Amino acid sequence: MTEETPGFEEKPDVPSDAASEDAARAESADTAGSAPAGDVQDVALQAQLDQVRTALNERTADLQRLQAEYQNYRRRVERDRVTVKEVAVANLLSELLPVLDDIGRAREHGELVGGFKSVGESLETVVAKLGLQQFGKEGEPFDPTIHEALMHSYAPDVTETTCVAILQPGYRIGERTIRPARVAVAEPQPGAQGAKSASDEDAKGAKGGKGAKGAKAADKENGGPDEG
């Protein structure tokens, strides 16, 4: 039998300090190796997200641009449609203007009676619903954009070129003139303005002279200096 040395007990193996340091270093290395891999994955996801956002912004801008172009197209189509309609109506009504002139002359001469009166008034109602408007009145200032002067004269009682007679009424649709009013115009009498100005000056002078005489009489009454 083997003799055991008294006072000593057999103890289990305990890892040394070097072994502990190696284990801690290995664990740190594992942790350090796994962290960069997670960061790289986050960066990749962020890059993909930025790409998706950029693509979304581009598609949104394209959609807004297409919508604006479509709205402009609709406005142009509507404007062209209204213009075409106005031109078509104006062409049609232009052909009816001689008939309306005949109806107007018949009314002036008292010949718009019976069935002819009913037909004439019905036609005038229809063209009014289509937007036809008559213009041109005696006494209004002459406007070359809507009036056509066929006769010219001078008159002492006007201060500007004035329509003194409507020979043929004008017609318009909205802002579009389809026929100017044919008129006789009168201008101020040549020299009338100068004569009027001279008469005004004479009146002022006479008034001033009367005032001077009155002042002289007042001086005499107040004992002022007399003429030597």
C-alpha atoms as a PDB file:
ATOM      1  CA  MET A   1       0.000   0.000   0.000  1.00  0.00           C
ATOM      2  CA  THR A   2       1.091   3.520  -0.699  1.00  0.00           C
ATOM      3  CA  GLU A   3       1.516   5.625   2.261  1.00  0.00           C
ATOM      4  CA  GLU A   4      -0.143   9.027   2.220  1.00  0.00           C
ATOM      5  CA  THR A   5       1.729  11.960   3.575  1.00  0.00           C
ATOM      6  CA  PRO A   6      -0.101  13.167   6.581  1.00  0.00           C
ATOM      7  CA  GLY A   7      -1.350  16.853   6.527  1.00  0.00           C
ATOM      8  CA  PHE A   8      -1.876  17.096   2.737  1.00  0.00           C
ATOM      9  CA  GLU A   9      -5.180  16.611   0.913  1.00  0.00           C
ATOM     10  CA  GLU A  10      -5.622  16.155  -2.796  1.00  0.00           C
ATOM     11  CA  LYS A  11      -7.237  19.276  -4.368  1.00  0.00           C
ATOM     12  CA  PRO A  12      -9.007  19.551  -7.768  1.00  0.00           C
ATOM     13  CA  ASP A  13      -7.249  21.209 -10.678  1.00  0.00           C
ATOM     14  CA  VAL A  14      -7.910  24.978 -10.821  1.00  0.00           C
ATOM     15  CA  PRO A  15      -7.209  26.864 -14.076  1.00  0.00           C
ATOM     16  CA  SER A  16      -4.353  29.224 -13.865  1.00  0.00           C
ATOM     17  CA  ASP A  17      -4.505  32.965 -14.457  1.00  0.00           C
ATOM     18  CA  ALA A  18      -3.112  32.517 -17.965  1.00  0.00           C
ATOM     19  CA  ALA A  19      -5.904  30.180 -18.909  1.00  0.00           C
ATOM     20  CA  SER A  20      -8.514  32.664 -17.627  1.00  0.00           C
ATOM     21  CA  GLU A  21      -7.014  35.458 -19.676  1.00  0.00           C
ATOM     22  CA  ASP A  22      -7.024  33.276 -22.783  1.00  0.00           C
ATOM     23  CA  ALA A  23     -10.697  32.485 -22.326  1.00  0.00           C
ATOM     24  CA  ALA A  24     -11.620  36.142 -21.813  1.00  0.00           C
ATOM     25  CA  ARG A  25      -9.606  37.147 -24.869  1.00  0.00           C
ATOM     26  CA  ALA A  26     -11.333  34.517 -26.968  1.00  0.00           C
ATOM     27  CA  GLU A  27     -14.771  35.713 -25.828  1.00  0.00           C
ATOM     28  CA  SER A  28     -13.870  39.316 -26.597  1.00  0.00           C
ATOM     29  CA  ALA A  29     -12.665  38.273 -30.019  1.00  0.00           C
ATOM     30  CA  ASP A  30     -15.973  36.534 -30.713  1.00  0.00           C
ATOM     31  CA  THR A  31     -17.937  39.599 -29.626  1.00  0.00           C
ATOM     32  CA  ALA A  32     -15.769  41.951 -31.671  1.00  0.00           C
ATOM     33  CA  GLY A  33     -16.087  39.738 -34.714  1.00  0.00           C
ATOM     34  CA  SER A  34     -19.892  39.579 -34.572  1.00  0.00           C
ATOM     35  CA  ALA A  35     -20.489  43.395 -34.063  1.00  0.00           C
ATOM     36  CA  PRO A  36     -19.073  44.612 -37.395  1.00  0.00           C
ATOM     37  CA  ALA A  37     -21.227  42.112 -39.269  1.00  0.00           C
ATOM     38  CA  GLY A  38     -24.397  43.625 -37.735  1.00  0.00           C
ATOM     39  CA  ASP A  39     -23.281  47.179 -38.552  1.00  0.00           C
ATOM     40  CA  VAL A  40     -22.665  46.258 -42.181  1.00  0.00           C
ATOM     41  CA  GLN A  41     -26.134  44.768 -42.423  1.00  0.00           C
ATOM     42  CA  ASP A  42     -27.704  47.966 -40.998  1.00  0.00           C
ATOM     43  CA  VAL A  43     -25.775  50.120 -43.467  1.00  0.00           C
ATOM     44  CA  ALA A  44     -26.964  47.965 -46.354  1.00  0.00           C
ATOM     45  CA  LEU A  45     -30.586  48.230 -45.213  1.00  0.00           C
ATOM     46  CA  GLN A  46     -30.287  52.013 -44.845  1.00  0.00           C
ATOM     47  CA  ALA A  47     -28.852  52.277 -48.358  1.00  0.00           C
ATOM     48  CA  GLN A  48     -31.738  50.228 -49.761  1.00  0.00           C
ATOM     49  CA  LEU A  49     -34.215  52.397 -47.874  1.00  0.00           C
ATOM     50  CA  ASP A  50     -32.646  55.563 -49.318  1.00  0.00           C
ATOM     51  CA  GLN A  51     -32.904  54.115 -52.822  1.00  0.00           C
ATOM     52  CA  VAL A  52     -36.577  53.290 -52.299  1.00  0.00           C
ATOM     53  CA  ARG A  53     -37.270  56.799 -51.007  1.00  0.00           C
ATOM     54  CA  THR A  54     -35.474  58.367 -53.974  1.00  0.00           C
ATOM     55  CA  ALA A  55     -37.439  56.231 -56.429  1.00  0.00           C
ATOM     56  CA  LEU A  56     -40.688  57.125 -54.638  1.00  0.00           C
ATOM     57  CA  ASN A  57     -39.922  60.854 -54.833  1.00  0.00           C
ATOM     58  CA  GLU A  58     -39.131  60.567 -58.546  1.00  0.00           C
ATOM     59  CA  ARG A  59     -42.353  58.691 -59.270  1.00  0.00           C
ATOM     60  CA  THR A  60     -44.339  61.217 -57.220  1.00  0.00           C
ATOM     61  CA  ALA A  61     -42.793  64.104 -59.177  1.00  0.00           C
ATOM     62  CA  ASP A  62     -43.598  62.329 -62.465  1.00  0.00           C
ATOM     63  CA  LEU A  63     -47.195  61.835 -61.370  1.00  0.00           C
ATOM     64  CA  GLN A  64     -47.580  65.474 -60.374  1.00  0.00           C
ATOM     65  CA  ARG A  65     -46.103  66.611 -63.686  1.00  0.00           C
ATOM     66  CA  LEU A  66     -48.455  64.356 -65.646  1.00  0.00           C
ATOM     67  CA  GLN A  67     -51.408  65.613 -63.648  1.00  0.00           C
ATOM     68  CA  ALA A  68     -50.466  69.253 -64.332  1.00  0.00           C
ATOM     69  CA  GLU A  69     -50.055  68.528 -68.048  1.00  0.00           C
ATOM     70  CA  TYR A  70     -53.440  66.828 -68.119  1.00  0.00           C
ATOM     71  CA  GLN A  71     -55.115  69.805 -66.425  1.00  0.00           C
ATOM     72  CA  ASN A  72     -53.498  72.185 -68.940  1.00  0.00           C
ATOM     73  CA  TYR A  73     -54.653  69.949 -71.774  1.00  0.00           C
ATOM     74  CA  ARG A  74     -58.227  69.979 -70.465  1.00  0.00           C
ATOM     75  CA  ARG A  75     -58.190  73.775 -70.192  1.00  0.00           C
ATOM     76  CA  ARG A  76     -56.868  74.119 -73.746  1.00  0.00           C
ATOM     77  CA  VAL A  77     -59.500  71.748 -75.089  1.00  0.00           C
ATOM     78  CA  GLU A  78     -62.268  73.611 -73.261  1.00  0.00           C
ATOM     79  CA  ARG A  79     -60.973  76.974 -74.488  1.00  0.00           C
ATOM     80  CA  ASP A  80     -60.728  75.719 -78.063  1.00  0.00           C
ATOM     81  CA  ARG A  81     -64.211  74.235 -77.833  1.00  0.00           C
ATOM     82  CA  VAL A  82     -65.669  77.568 -76.692  1.00  0.00           C
ATOM     83  CA  THR A  83     -63.770  79.423 -79.421  1.00  0.00           C
ATOM     84  CA  VAL A  84     -64.978  77.056 -82.137  1.00  0.00           C
ATOM     85  CA  LYS A  85     -68.539  77.388 -80.887  1.00  0.00           C
ATOM     86  CA  GLU A  86     -68.348  81.192 -80.891  1.00  0.00           C
ATOM     87  CA  VAL A  87     -66.931  81.256 -84.410  1.00  0.00           C
ATOM     88  CA  ALA A  88     -69.630  78.881 -85.677  1.00  0.00           C
ATOM     89  CA  VAL A  89     -72.408  80.919 -84.064  1.00  0.00           C
ATOM     90  CA  ALA A  90     -70.895  84.184 -85.338  1.00  0.00           C
ATOM     91  CA  ASN A  91     -70.757  82.819 -88.902  1.00  0.00           C
ATOM     92  CA  LEU A  92     -74.368  81.708 -88.697  1.00  0.00           C
ATOM     93  CA  LEU A  93     -75.618  84.978 -87.266  1.00  0.00           C
ATOM     94  CA  SER A  94     -73.631  86.982 -89.803  1.00  0.00           C
ATOM     95  CA  GLU A  95     -75.801  85.438 -92.492  1.00  0.00           C
ATOM     96  CA  LEU A  96     -78.934  86.518 -90.608  1.00  0.00           C
ATOM     97  CA  LEU A  97     -77.938  90.177 -90.158  1.00  0.00           C
ATOM     98  CA  PRO A  98     -79.572  91.331 -93.452  1.00  0.00           C
ATOM     99  CA  VAL A  99     -82.830  89.711 -92.313  1.00  0.00           C
ATOM    100  CA  LEU A 100     -82.581  91.514 -88.961  1.00  0.00           C
ATOM    101  CA  ASP A 101     -81.939  94.780 -90.808  1.00  0.00           C
ATOM    102  CA  ASP A 102     -85.102  94.254 -92.852  1.00  0.00           C
ATOM    103  CA  ILE A 103     -87.077  93.587 -89.680  1.00  0.00           C
ATOM    104  CA  GLY A 104     -85.703  96.759 -88.099  1.00  0.00           C
ATOM    105  CA  ARG A 105     -86.575  98.901 -91.136  1.00  0.00           C
ATOM    106  CA  ALA A 106     -90.080  97.424 -91.252  1.00  0.00           C
ATOM    107  CA  ARG A 107     -90.522  98.304 -87.567  1.00  0.00           C
ATOM    108  CA  GLU A 108     -89.377 101.899 -88.164  1.00  0.00           C
ATOM    109  CA  HIS A 109     -91.885 102.332 -91.013  1.00  0.00           C
ATOM    110  CA  GLY A 110     -94.735 100.679 -89.104  1.00  0.00           C
ATOM    111  CA  GLU A 111     -94.857  97.705 -91.458  1.00  0.00           C
ATOM    112  CA  LEU A 112     -94.062  95.049 -88.838  1.00  0.00           C
ATOM    113  CA  VAL A 113     -97.633  93.787 -88.391  1.00  0.00           C
ATOM    114  CA  GLY A 114     -99.581  90.564 -88.469  1.00  0.00           C
ATOM    115  CA  GLY A 115     -97.808  87.280 -89.014  1.00  0.00           C
ATOM    116  CA  PHE A 116     -94.657  89.058 -90.197  1.00  0.00           C
ATOM    117  CA  LYS A 117     -94.401  90.734 -86.775  1.00  0.00           C
ATOM    118  CA  SER A 118     -94.668  87.392 -84.981  1.00  0.00           C
ATOM    119  CA  VAL A 119     -91.991  85.808 -87.172  1.00  0.00           C
ATOM    120  CA  GLY A 120     -89.682  88.795 -86.796  1.00  0.00           C
ATOM    121  CA  GLU A 121     -89.981  88.897 -83.016  1.00  0.00           C
ATOM    122  CA  SER A 122     -89.418  85.128 -82.794  1.00  0.00           C
ATOM    123  CA  LEU A 123     -86.252  85.436 -84.863  1.00  0.00           C
ATOM    124  CA  GLU A 124     -84.966  88.282 -82.692  1.00  0.00           C
ATOM    125  CA  THR A 125     -85.639  86.193 -79.576  1.00  0.00           C
ATOM    126  CA  VAL A 126     -83.716  83.223 -80.973  1.00  0.00           C
ATOM    127  CA  VAL A 127     -80.637  85.255 -81.961  1.00  0.00           C
ATOM    128  CA  ALA A 128     -80.678  86.969 -78.549  1.00  0.00           C
ATOM    129  CA  LYS A 129     -80.574  83.542 -76.869  1.00  0.00           C
ATOM    130  CA  LEU A 130     -77.555  82.720 -79.027  1.00  0.00           C
ATOM    131  CA  GLY A 131     -75.773  85.749 -77.529  1.00  0.00           C
ATOM    132  CA  LEU A 132     -76.279  88.322 -80.299  1.00  0.00           C
ATOM    133  CA  GLN A 133     -76.345  91.886 -78.951  1.00  0.00           C
ATOM    134  CA  GLN A 134     -77.224  95.050 -80.855  1.00  0.00           C
ATOM    135  CA  PHE A 135     -75.348  98.284 -80.150  1.00  0.00           C
ATOM    136  CA  GLY A 136     -75.151 101.834 -81.455  1.00  0.00           C
ATOM    137  CA  LYS A 137     -77.091 104.825 -80.102  1.00  0.00           C
ATOM    138  CA  GLU A 138     -77.406 108.438 -81.151  1.00  0.00           C
ATOM    139  CA  GLY A 139     -75.423 110.845 -79.008  1.00  0.00           C
ATOM    140  CA  GLU A 140     -72.702 108.429 -77.915  1.00  0.00           C
ATOM    141  CA  PRO A 141     -69.038 109.317 -78.579  1.00  0.00           C
ATOM    142  CA  PHE A 142     -67.578 107.962 -81.800  1.00  0.00           C
ATOM    143  CA  ASP A 143     -65.344 104.920 -81.243  1.00  0.00           C
ATOM    144  CA  PRO A 144     -63.510 103.712 -84.367  1.00  0.00           C
ATOM    145  CA  THR A 145     -63.181 100.218 -82.913  1.00  0.00           C
ATOM    146  CA  ILE A 146     -66.954  99.650 -82.932  1.00  0.00           C
ATOM    147  CA  HIS A 147     -68.267 102.418 -85.219  1.00  0.00           C
ATOM    148  CA  GLU A 148     -67.913 102.944 -88.955  1.00  0.00           C
ATOM    149  CA  ALA A 149     -68.471 106.553 -90.033  1.00  0.00           C
ATOM    150  CA  LEU A 150     -70.371 106.830 -93.330  1.00  0.00           C
ATOM    151  CA  MET A 151     -71.298 110.532 -93.065  1.00  0.00           C
ATOM    152  CA  HIS A 152     -69.469 113.481 -91.558  1.00  0.00           C
ATOM    153  CA  SER A 153     -70.562 116.985 -90.578  1.00  0.00           C
ATOM    154  CA  TYR A 154     -69.887 119.819 -88.126  1.00  0.00           C
ATOM    155  CA  ALA A 155     -72.163 120.923 -85.331  1.00  0.00           C
ATOM    156  CA  PRO A 156     -71.844 123.808 -82.865  1.00  0.00           C
ATOM    157  CA  ASP A 157     -73.498 121.923 -80.021  1.00  0.00           C
ATOM    158  CA  VAL A 158     -70.999 119.030 -79.702  1.00  0.00           C
ATOM    159  CA  THR A 159     -67.688 119.076 -77.874  1.00  0.00           C
ATOM    160  CA  GLU A 160     -66.257 115.864 -79.387  1.00  0.00           C
ATOM    161  CA  THR A 161     -66.794 113.612 -82.372  1.00  0.00           C
ATOM    162  CA  THR A 162     -70.297 112.254 -81.755  1.00  0.00           C
ATOM    163  CA  CYS A 163     -72.622 109.759 -83.425  1.00  0.00           C
ATOM    164  CA  VAL A 164     -75.605 111.871 -84.483  1.00  0.00           C
ATOM    165  CA  ALA A 165     -77.421 109.188 -86.506  1.00  0.00           C
ATOM    166  CA  ILE A 166     -77.353 105.364 -86.590  1.00  0.00           C
ATOM    167  CA  LEU A 167     -77.566 104.314 -90.203  1.00  0.00           C
ATOM    168  CA  GLN A 168     -77.175 100.618 -89.436  1.00  0.00           C
ATOM    169  CA  PRO A 169     -76.894  99.065 -85.966  1.00  0.00           C
ATOM    170  CA  GLY A 170     -73.870  97.051 -84.967  1.00  0.00           C
ATOM    171  CA  TYR A 171     -73.872  93.541 -83.535  1.00  0.00           C
ATOM    172  CA  ARG A 172     -71.559  91.664 -81.193  1.00  0.00           C
ATOM    173  CA  ILE A 173     -71.332  88.287 -79.471  1.00  0.00           C
ATOM    174  CA  GLY A 174     -69.687  88.648 -76.112  1.00  0.00           C
ATOM    175  CA  GLU A 175     -66.516  90.652 -76.759  1.00  0.00           C
ATOM    176  CA  ARG A 176     -66.446  89.733 -80.464  1.00  0.00           C
ATOM    177  CA  THR A 177     -67.775  92.400 -82.834  1.00  0.00           C
ATOM    178  CA  ILE A 178     -69.300  90.746 -85.883  1.00  0.00           C
ATOM    179  CA  ARG A 179     -70.378  94.038 -87.505  1.00  0.00           C
ATOM    180  CA  PRO A 180     -69.584  97.639 -86.524  1.00  0.00           C
ATOM    181  CA  ALA A 181     -72.345 100.196 -86.205  1.00  0.00           C
ATOM    182  CA  ARG A 182     -72.540 102.382 -89.309  1.00  0.00           C
ATOM    183  CA  VAL A 183     -73.146 105.952 -88.226  1.00  0.00           C
ATOM    184  CA  ALA A 184     -73.163 109.594 -89.192  1.00  0.00           C
ATOM    185  CA  VAL A 185     -70.803 111.657 -87.056  1.00  0.00           C
ATOM    186  CA  ALA A 186     -70.506 115.332 -86.232  1.00  0.00           C
ATOM    187  CA  GLU A 187     -67.445 117.211 -85.041  1.00  0.00           C
ATOM    188  CA  PRO A 188     -67.245 120.549 -83.200  1.00  0.00           C
ATOM    189  CA  GLN A 189     -67.537 123.564 -85.502  1.00  0.00           C
ATOM    190  CA  PRO A 190     -64.068 124.789 -86.546  1.00  0.00           C
ATOM    191  CA  GLY A 191     -63.206 127.945 -84.590  1.00  0.00           C
ATOM    192  CA  ALA A 192     -66.129 127.508 -82.226  1.00  0.00           C
ATOM    193  CA  GLN A 193     -63.841 126.542 -79.385  1.00  0.00           C
ATOM    194  CA  GLY A 194     -61.570 129.541 -80.006  1.00  0.00           C
ATOM    195  CA  ALA A 195     -64.525 131.909 -80.204  1.00  0.00           C
ATOM    196  CA  LYS A 196     -65.899 130.497 -76.989  1.00  0.00           C
ATOM    197  CA  SER A 197     -62.557 130.976 -75.261  1.00  0.00           C
ATOM    198  CA  ALA A 198     -62.355 134.575 -76.514  1.00  0.00           C
ATOM    199  CA  SER A 199     -65.864 135.339 -75.292  1.00  0.00           C
ATOM    200  CA  ASP A 200     -64.975 133.903 -71.904  1.00  0.00           C
ATOM    201  CA  GLU A 201     -61.894 136.122 -71.737  1.00  0.00           C
ATOM    202  CA  ASP A 202     -63.979 139.181 -72.668  1.00  0.00           C
ATOM    203  CA  ALA A 203     -66.491 138.343 -69.981  1.00  0.00           C
ATOM    204  CA  LYS A 204     -63.721 138.018 -67.417  1.00  0.00           C
ATOM    205  CA  GLY A 205     -62.193 141.324 -68.510  1.00  0.00           C
ATOM    206  CA  ALA A 206     -65.499 143.125 -68.290  1.00  0.00           C
ATOM    207  CA  LYS A 207     -66.075 141.738 -64.855  1.00  0.00           C
ATOM    208  CA  GLY A 208     -62.599 142.839 -63.777  1.00  0.00           C
ATOM    209  CA  GLY A 209     -63.107 146.375 -65.139  1.00  0.00           C
ATOM    210  CA  LYS A 210     -66.369 146.718 -63.288  1.00  0.00           C
ATOM    211  CA  GLY A 211     -64.646 145.678 -60.135  1.00  0.00           C
ATOM    212  CA  ALA A 212     -61.912 148.297 -60.626  1.00  0.00           C
ATOM    213  CA  LYS A 213     -64.449 151.075 -61.129  1.00  0.00           C
ATOM    214  CA  GLY A 214     -66.254 150.000 -58.004  1.00  0.00           C
ATOM    215  CA  ALA A 215     -63.028 150.107 -56.030  1.00  0.00           C
ATOM    216  CA  LYS A 216     -62.242 153.627 -57.304  1.00  0.00           C
ATOM    217  CA  ALA A 217     -65.700 154.832 -56.318  1.00  0.00           C
ATOM    218  CA  ALA A 218     -65.233 153.356 -52.884  1.00  0.00           C
ATOM    219  CA  ASP A 219     -61.918 155.225 -52.503  1.00  0.00           C
ATOM    220  CA  LYS A 220     -63.626 158.515 -53.301  1.00  0.00           C
ATOM    221  CA  GLU A 221     -66.362 157.913 -50.815  1.00  0.00           C
ATOM    222  CA  ASN A 222     -63.795 157.090 -48.111  1.00  0.00           C
ATOM    223  CA  GLY A 223     -61.859 160.277 -48.744  1.00  0.00           C
ATOM    224  CA  GLY A 224     -59.046 158.581 -50.569  1.00  0.00           C
ATOM    225  CA  PRO A 225     -56.626 160.374 -52.906  1.00  0.00           C
ATOM    226  CA  ASP A 226     -58.237 161.842 -56.015  1.00  0.00           C
ATOM    227  CA  GLU A 227     -56.679 161.966 -59.429  1.00  0.00           C
ATOM    228  CA  GLY A 228     -54.437 165.028 -59.800  1.00  0.00           C
END
